[in-house]
C-alpha atoms as a PDB file:
ATOM      1  CA  MET A   1      -2.755  90.203  10.446  1.00  0.00           C
ATOM      2  CA  LYS A   2       0.399  91.190   8.602  1.00  0.00           C
ATOM      3  CA  ASN A   3       0.615  93.658   5.737  1.00  0.00           C
ATOM      4  CA  ARG A   4      -3.036  94.715   5.766  1.00  0.00           C
ATOM      5  CA  ARG A   5      -3.306  97.752   3.563  1.00  0.00           C
ATOM      6  CA  LEU A   6      -4.023 101.142   5.063  1.00  0.00           C
ATOM      7  CA  SER A   7      -5.444 103.674   2.661  1.00  0.00           C
ATOM      8  CA  GLU A   8      -3.055 106.064   0.970  1.00  0.00           C
ATOM      9  CA  GLN A   9      -5.295 108.885   2.163  1.00  0.00           C
ATOM     10  CA  LEU A  10      -4.813 107.841   5.805  1.00  0.00           C
ATOM     11  CA  LEU A  11      -1.055 107.414   5.389  1.00  0.00           C
ATOM     12  CA  ASN A  12      -0.757 110.821   3.735  1.00  0.00           C
ATOM     13  CA  MET A  13      -2.786 112.530   6.474  1.00  0.00           C
ATOM     14  CA  ILE A  14      -0.581 111.043   9.202  1.00  0.00           C
ATOM     15  CA  LYS A  15       2.553 111.894   7.224  1.00  0.00           C
ATOM     16  CA  LYS A  16       1.386 115.497   6.832  1.00  0.00           C
ATOM     17  CA  GLU A  17       0.750 115.747  10.569  1.00  0.00           C
ATOM     18  CA  ALA A  18       4.094 114.155  11.427  1.00  0.00           C
ATOM     19  CA  LYS A  19       5.983 116.648   9.252  1.00  0.00           C
ATOM     20  CA  LEU A  20       4.595 119.524  11.316  1.00  0.00           C
ATOM     21  CA  TYR A  21       6.877 118.442  14.164  1.00  0.00           C
ATOM     22  CA  PHE A  22       9.957 119.088  12.013  1.00  0.00           C
ATOM     23  CA  GLN A  23       9.358 122.708  11.041  1.00  0.00           C
ATOM     24  CA  ASN A  24      12.094 123.890  13.408  1.00  0.00           C
ATOM     25  CA  ALA A  25      14.134 120.671  13.456  1.00  0.00           C
ATOM     26  CA  ARG A  26      17.916 120.635  13.451  1.00  0.00           C
ATOM     27  CA  GLY A  27      19.396 119.342  10.215  1.00  0.00           C
ATOM     28  CA  SER A  28      20.864 116.282  11.906  1.00  0.00           C
ATOM     29  CA  HIS A  29      17.387 115.049  12.866  1.00  0.00           C
ATOM     30  CA  ASP A  30      15.136 116.571  10.231  1.00  0.00           C
ATOM     31  CA  TRP A  31      12.434 115.069   8.027  1.00  0.00           C
ATOM     32  CA  ASP A  32      15.121 113.873   5.582  1.00  0.00           C
ATOM     33  CA  HIS A  33      16.358 111.546   8.327  1.00  0.00           C
ATOM     34  CA  THR A  34      12.833 110.227   8.803  1.00  0.00           C
ATOM     35  CA  GLU A  35      12.485 109.480   5.090  1.00  0.00           C
ATOM     36  CA  ARG A  36      15.825 107.635   5.007  1.00  0.00           C
ATOM     37  CA  VAL A  37      14.787 105.562   8.020  1.00  0.00           C
ATOM     38  CA  LEU A  38      11.476 104.769   6.333  1.00  0.00           C
ATOM     39  CA  LYS A  39      13.272 103.495   3.211  1.00  0.00           C
ATOM     40  CA  LEU A  40      15.553 101.297   5.309  1.00  0.00           C
ATOM     41  CA  CYS A  41      12.593  99.988   7.328  1.00  0.00           C
ATOM     42  CA  LEU A  42      10.803  98.902   4.180  1.00  0.00           C
ATOM     43  CA  ARG A  43      13.975  97.407   2.702  1.00  0.00           C
ATOM     44  CA  ILE A  44      14.738  95.336   5.804  1.00  0.00           C
ATOM     45  CA  GLY A  45      11.058  94.690   6.511  1.00  0.00           C
ATOM     46  CA  ARG A  46      10.534  93.029   3.146  1.00  0.00           C
ATOM     47  CA  LYS A  47      13.533  90.770   3.743  1.00  0.00           C
ATOM     48  CA  GLU A  48      12.374  89.895   7.251  1.00  0.00           C
ATOM     49  CA  LYS A  49       8.697  89.496   6.231  1.00  0.00           C
ATOM     50  CA  ALA A  50       7.561  92.092   8.759  1.00  0.00           C
ATOM     51  CA  ASP A  51       4.307  94.052   8.931  1.00  0.00           C
ATOM     52  CA  LEU A  52       5.100  96.879   6.533  1.00  0.00           C
ATOM     53  CA  GLU A  53       2.122  98.995   7.561  1.00  0.00           C
ATOM     54  CA  VAL A  54       3.266  99.056  11.188  1.00  0.00           C
ATOM     55  CA  LEU A  55       6.752  99.950   9.954  1.00  0.00           C
ATOM     56  CA  ARG A  56       5.514 102.771   7.716  1.00  0.00           C
ATOM     57  CA  LEU A  57       3.709 104.510  10.545  1.00  0.00           C
ATOM     58  CA  ALA A  58       6.370 103.798  13.179  1.00  0.00           C
ATOM     59  CA  ALA A  59       9.089 105.203  10.915  1.00  0.00           C
ATOM     60  CA  MET A  60       7.084 108.320  10.037  1.00  0.00           C
ATOM     61  CA  LEU A  61       6.379 109.057  13.703  1.00  0.00           C
ATOM     62  CA  HIS A  62       9.500 107.797  15.473  1.00  0.00           C
ATOM     63  CA  ASP A  63      11.216 111.181  15.871  1.00  0.00           C
ATOM     64  CA  ILE A  64       8.305 113.569  16.365  1.00  0.00           C
ATOM     65  CA  GLY A  65       9.432 114.122  19.967  1.00  0.00           C
ATOM     66  CA  ARG A  66      12.964 115.002  18.907  1.00  0.00           C
ATOM     67  CA  GLU A  67      12.561 118.783  18.901  1.00  0.00           C
ATOM     68  CA  GLU A  68      11.555 118.752  22.551  1.00  0.00           C
ATOM     69  CA  GLU A  69      14.587 116.620  23.438  1.00  0.00           C
ATOM     70  CA  ASP A  70      16.856 119.054  21.592  1.00  0.00           C
ATOM     71  CA  ARG A  71      15.307 122.040  23.372  1.00  0.00           C
ATOM     72  CA  SER A  72      15.949 120.328  26.718  1.00  0.00           C
ATOM     73  CA  ASN A  73      19.548 119.430  25.767  1.00  0.00           C
ATOM     74  CA  GLY A  74      18.771 115.754  26.175  1.00  0.00           C
ATOM     75  CA  ARG A  75      16.783 115.850  29.415  1.00  0.00           C
ATOM     76  CA  VAL A  76      13.555 114.826  27.669  1.00  0.00           C
ATOM     77  CA  CYS A  77      13.546 111.358  26.064  1.00  0.00           C
ATOM     78  CA  HIS A  78      12.303 111.796  22.508  1.00  0.00           C
ATOM     79  CA  GLY A  79      11.294 108.125  22.367  1.00  0.00           C
ATOM     80  CA  GLU A  80       8.893 108.493  25.274  1.00  0.00           C
ATOM     81  CA  LYS A  81       7.670 111.914  24.182  1.00  0.00           C
ATOM     82  CA  GLY A  82       7.272 110.798  20.590  1.00  0.00           C
ATOM     83  CA  ALA A  83       5.321 107.705  21.629  1.00  0.00           C
ATOM     84  CA  ALA A  84       2.810 109.827  23.556  1.00  0.00           C
ATOM     85  CA  LEU A  85       2.394 112.241  20.644  1.00  0.00           C
ATOM     86  CA  ALA A  86       2.087 109.395  18.138  1.00  0.00           C
ATOM     87  CA  LYS A  87      -0.550 107.618  20.215  1.00  0.00           C
ATOM     88  CA  ALA A  88      -2.754 110.703  20.123  1.00  0.00           C
ATOM     89  CA  ILE A  89      -2.293 111.124  16.365  1.00  0.00           C
ATOM     90  CA  LEU A  90      -3.049 107.481  15.587  1.00  0.00           C
ATOM     91  CA  LYS A  91      -6.138 107.382  17.810  1.00  0.00           C
ATOM     92  CA  LYS A  92      -7.428 110.593  16.229  1.00  0.00           C
ATOM     93  CA  HIS A  93      -7.167 109.034  12.781  1.00  0.00           C
ATOM     94  CA  GLY A  94      -8.962 105.873  13.858  1.00  0.00           C
ATOM     95  CA  VAL A  95      -6.091 103.402  13.652  1.00  0.00           C
ATOM     96  CA  GLU A  96      -7.101 100.187  15.399  1.00  0.00           C
ATOM     97  CA  LYS A  97      -6.005  99.770  19.015  1.00  0.00           C
ATOM     98  CA  GLU A  98      -3.875  96.648  18.478  1.00  0.00           C
ATOM     99  CA  MET A  99      -1.931  98.322  15.687  1.00  0.00           C
ATOM    100  CA  VAL A 100      -1.465 101.487  17.731  1.00  0.00           C
ATOM    101  CA  GLY A 101       0.080  99.438  20.521  1.00  0.00           C
ATOM    102  CA  ARG A 102       2.565  97.809  18.162  1.00  0.00           C
ATOM    103  CA  ILE A 103       3.563 101.139  16.639  1.00  0.00           C
ATOM    104  CA  ILE A 104       3.992 102.770  20.040  1.00  0.00           C
ATOM    105  CA  HIS A 105       6.256  99.928  21.182  1.00  0.00           C
ATOM    106  CA  CYS A 106       8.462 100.540  18.136  1.00  0.00           C
ATOM    107  CA  ILE A 107       8.787 104.245  18.935  1.00  0.00           C
ATOM    108  CA  GLU A 108       9.363 103.748  22.660  1.00  0.00           C
ATOM    109  CA  THR A 109      12.225 101.297  22.112  1.00  0.00           C
ATOM    110  CA  HIS A 110      14.105 102.773  19.135  1.00  0.00           C
ATOM    111  CA  ARG A 111      16.737 104.701  21.108  1.00  0.00           C
ATOM    112  CA  PHE A 112      20.329 103.446  21.279  1.00  0.00           C
ATOM    113  CA  ARG A 113      21.027 104.360  24.893  1.00  0.00           C
ATOM    114  CA  GLN A 114      17.690 103.226  26.314  1.00  0.00           C
ATOM    115  CA  LYS A 115      17.689 100.206  28.626  1.00  0.00           C
ATOM    116  CA  ARG A 116      14.359  98.926  27.315  1.00  0.00           C
ATOM    117  CA  PRO A 117      15.099  96.764  24.223  1.00  0.00           C
ATOM    118  CA  PRO A 118      12.698  96.244  21.314  1.00  0.00           C
ATOM    119  CA  GLN A 119      10.700  93.008  21.563  1.00  0.00           C
ATOM    120  CA  THR A 120       8.788  92.728  18.279  1.00  0.00           C
ATOM    121  CA  LEU A 121      10.200  92.188  14.785  1.00  0.00           C
ATOM    122  CA  GLU A 122       8.965  95.602  13.654  1.00  0.00           C
ATOM    123  CA  ALA A 123      10.499  97.347  16.676  1.00  0.00           C
ATOM    124  CA  LYS A 124      13.830  95.635  15.992  1.00  0.00           C
ATOM    125  CA  ILE A 125      13.706  96.735  12.366  1.00  0.00           C
ATOM    126  CA  LEU A 126      12.972 100.362  13.286  1.00  0.00           C
ATOM    127  CA  PHE A 127      15.828 100.266  15.801  1.00  0.00           C
ATOM    128  CA  ASP A 128      18.206  98.915  13.159  1.00  0.00           C
ATOM    129  CA  ALA A 129      17.096 101.329  10.439  1.00  0.00           C
ATOM    130  CA  ASP A 130      17.441 104.329  12.742  1.00  0.00           C
ATOM    131  CA  LYS A 131      20.939 103.266  13.787  1.00  0.00           C
ATOM    132  CA  LEU A 132      22.053 102.489  10.240  1.00  0.00           C
ATOM    133  CA  ASP A 133      21.327 106.101   9.330  1.00  0.00           C
ATOM    134  CA  SER A 134      23.842 107.193  11.966  1.00  0.00           C
ATOM    135  CA  ILE A 135      26.798 105.278  10.500  1.00  0.00           C
ATOM    136  CA  GLY A 136      28.515 105.146   7.130  1.00  0.00           C
ATOM    137  CA  ALA A 137      28.810 108.215   4.905  1.00  0.00           C
ATOM    138  CA  VAL A 138      25.443 109.604   5.970  1.00  0.00           C
ATOM    139  CA  GLY A 139      26.292 109.013   9.629  1.00  0.00           C
ATOM    140  CA  ILE A 140      29.567 110.899   9.324  1.00  0.00           C
ATOM    141  CA  GLY A 141      27.786 113.827   7.720  1.00  0.00           C
ATOM    142  CA  ARG A 142      25.113 113.855  10.404  1.00  0.00           C
ATOM    143  CA  ALA A 143      27.712 113.678  13.194  1.00  0.00           C
ATOM    144  CA  PHE A 144      29.521 116.763  11.908  1.00  0.00           C
ATOM    145  CA  LEU A 145      26.218 118.526  11.295  1.00  0.00           C
ATOM    146  CA  PHE A 146      25.141 117.901  14.891  1.00  0.00           C
ATOM    147  CA  ALA A 147      28.546 119.034  16.197  1.00  0.00           C
ATOM    148  CA  GLY A 148      28.086 122.307  14.323  1.00  0.00           C
ATOM    149  CA  GLU A 149      24.589 122.697  15.732  1.00  0.00           C
ATOM    150  CA  VAL A 150      25.878 122.546  19.320  1.00  0.00           C
ATOM    151  CA  GLY A 151      28.976 124.652  18.604  1.00  0.00           C
ATOM    152  CA  ALA A 152      31.566 121.895  18.907  1.00  0.00           C
ATOM    153  CA  ARG A 153      35.069 121.903  17.435  1.00  0.00           C
ATOM    154  CA  LEU A 154      35.835 120.327  14.064  1.00  0.00           C
ATOM    155  CA  HIS A 155      37.966 117.640  15.699  1.00  0.00           C
ATOM    156  CA  ASN A 156      39.542 116.813  19.043  1.00  0.00           C
ATOM    157  CA  PRO A 157      41.596 113.593  18.806  1.00  0.00           C
ATOM    158  CA  GLY A 158      42.950 113.971  22.344  1.00  0.00           C
ATOM    159  CA  ILE A 159      39.484 113.843  23.825  1.00  0.00           C
ATOM    160  CA  ASN A 160      38.970 112.520  27.365  1.00  0.00           C
ATOM    161  CA  LEU A 161      35.504 111.016  27.325  1.00  0.00           C
ATOM    162  CA  LYS A 162      35.178 111.156  31.115  1.00  0.00           C
ATOM    163  CA  LYS A 163      35.500 114.937  31.026  1.00  0.00           C
ATOM    164  CA  THR A 164      33.121 115.661  28.168  1.00  0.00           C
ATOM    165  CA  LYS A 165      29.383 116.153  27.980  1.00  0.00           C
ATOM    166  CA  ALA A 166      26.808 115.793  25.233  1.00  0.00           C
ATOM    167  CA  TYR A 167      25.239 118.927  23.724  1.00  0.00           C
ATOM    168  CA  THR A 168      28.360 121.013  24.532  1.00  0.00           C
ATOM    169  CA  LYS A 169      31.390 122.273  22.594  1.00  0.00           C
ATOM    170  CA  ASP A 170      33.074 118.973  23.512  1.00  0.00           C
ATOM    171  CA  ASP A 171      30.485 116.996  21.543  1.00  0.00           C
ATOM    172  CA  THR A 172      32.507 116.592  18.348  1.00  0.00           C
ATOM    173  CA  ALA A 173      31.780 114.102  15.589  1.00  0.00           C
ATOM    174  CA  TYR A 174      34.759 112.077  16.813  1.00  0.00           C
ATOM    175  CA  ARG A 175      33.341 111.971  20.353  1.00  0.00           C
ATOM    176  CA  GLU A 176      30.074 110.657  18.906  1.00  0.00           C
ATOM    177  CA  PHE A 177      32.048 107.997  17.069  1.00  0.00           C
ATOM    178  CA  LEU A 178      33.831 106.913  20.263  1.00  0.00           C
ATOM    179  CA  VAL A 179      30.756 107.047  22.509  1.00  0.00           C
ATOM    180  CA  LYS A 180      28.162 105.571  20.175  1.00  0.00           C
ATOM    181  CA  LEU A 181      28.785 105.071  16.474  1.00  0.00           C
ATOM    182  CA  ARG A 182      31.571 102.494  16.670  1.00  0.00           C
ATOM    183  CA  LYS A 183      29.352 100.301  18.871  1.00  0.00           C
ATOM    184  CA  ILE A 184      26.335 100.217  16.591  1.00  0.00           C
ATOM    185  CA  GLU A 185      27.408  97.358  14.333  1.00  0.00           C
ATOM    186  CA  GLY A 186      27.375  94.989  17.295  1.00  0.00           C
ATOM    187  CA  ARG A 187      24.025  96.177  18.646  1.00  0.00           C
ATOM    188  CA  LEU A 188      21.729  95.494  15.703  1.00  0.00           C
ATOM    189  CA  PHE A 189      19.017  92.834  15.740  1.00  0.00           C
ATOM    190  CA  THR A 190      18.220  91.802  12.179  1.00  0.00           C
ATOM    191  CA  ARG A 191      20.319  89.792   9.751  1.00  0.00           C
ATOM    192  CA  ASP A 192      19.941  92.299   6.916  1.00  0.00           C
ATOM    193  CA  GLY A 193      20.591  95.201   9.265  1.00  0.00           C
ATOM    194  CA  ARG A 194      23.863  93.644  10.384  1.00  0.00           C
ATOM    195  CA  ARG A 195      24.848  92.983   6.783  1.00  0.00           C
ATOM    196  CA  ILE A 196      24.301  96.620   5.799  1.00  0.00           C
ATOM    197  CA  ALA A 197      26.114  97.771   8.951  1.00  0.00           C
ATOM    198  CA  ARG A 198      29.337  95.901   8.166  1.00  0.00           C
ATOM    199  CA  ASP A 199      30.126  97.977   5.108  1.00  0.00           C
ATOM    200  CA  ARG A 200      28.957 101.238   6.666  1.00  0.00           C
ATOM    201  CA  HIS A 201      31.005 100.621   9.810  1.00  0.00           C
ATOM    202  CA  ARG A 202      34.157  99.849   7.828  1.00  0.00           C
ATOM    203  CA  PHE A 203      33.841 103.052   5.815  1.00  0.00           C
ATOM    204  CA  MET A 204      33.225 105.144   8.937  1.00  0.00           C
ATOM    205  CA  ALA A 205      36.129 103.654  10.907  1.00  0.00           C
ATOM    206  CA  GLU A 206      38.494 104.225   7.975  1.00  0.00           C
ATOM    207  CA  PHE A 207      37.317 107.827   7.709  1.00  0.00           C
ATOM    208  CA  PHE A 208      38.023 108.686  11.352  1.00  0.00           C
ATOM    209  CA  ASP A 209      41.373 106.867  11.207  1.00  0.00           C
ATOM    210  CA  ARG A 210      42.361 108.980   8.221  1.00  0.00           C
ATOM    211  CA  LEU A 211      41.038 112.152   9.869  1.00  0.00           C
ATOM    212  CA  ASN A 212      43.257 111.527  12.892  1.00  0.00           C
ATOM    213  CA  LYS A 213      46.285 111.019  10.643  1.00  0.00           C
ATOM    214  CA  GLU A 214      45.567 114.187   8.684  1.00  0.00           C
ATOM    215  CA  ILE A 215      45.177 116.164  11.908  1.00  0.00           C
ATOM    216  CA  GLU A 216      48.547 114.791  13.063  1.00  0.00           C
ATOM    217  CA  GLY A 217      50.094 115.772   9.730  1.00  0.00           C
ATOM    218  CA  SER A 218      51.147 112.205   8.862  1.00  0.00           C
ATOM    219  CA  LEU A 219      49.012 112.157   5.718  1.00  0.00           C
END
């Protein structure tokens, strides 16, 4: 049954527990990111007539495994880890089994590089919302923030992708743009997500084009 109302008390308890996983989070994947993804989920979810309660909980919990992935330099999948942690939290708070399963599917399938694609409407919306937060003005800021967190250079326009690795000094914001961010617009599932992505992608592409020209001294 769509859009059944969970109590505000329950939502607040789960939110409080979720936030505990971000006490030592890097700025590029902190609780602020989670709140932006939640807002986008609800925005797109209303347009797509999705189950907003599933989206609320999936968005709040989708990155709770992120700290462990960061500590492992990417060896741990935060989607899989987060799904396991979220399942325990939801069961503890008495969320019904069918709803837990739908939320867990959203979390397991929200990663960009994962081969397992989202199957439900809510999972597709979470995927889109999470990716939208990685492009546009916010996405540019997050890319440079992450590059600083791993000790990367400000910019490296002559980058050879085949000779670079994630979570190293080679992992610049521009590398992230080439490897992932420029591909996001074409990977989204929902109509409203794709509409939002068009403007964000255009802004981001223009930014990196200008950055390259400024680095070259032509602007």
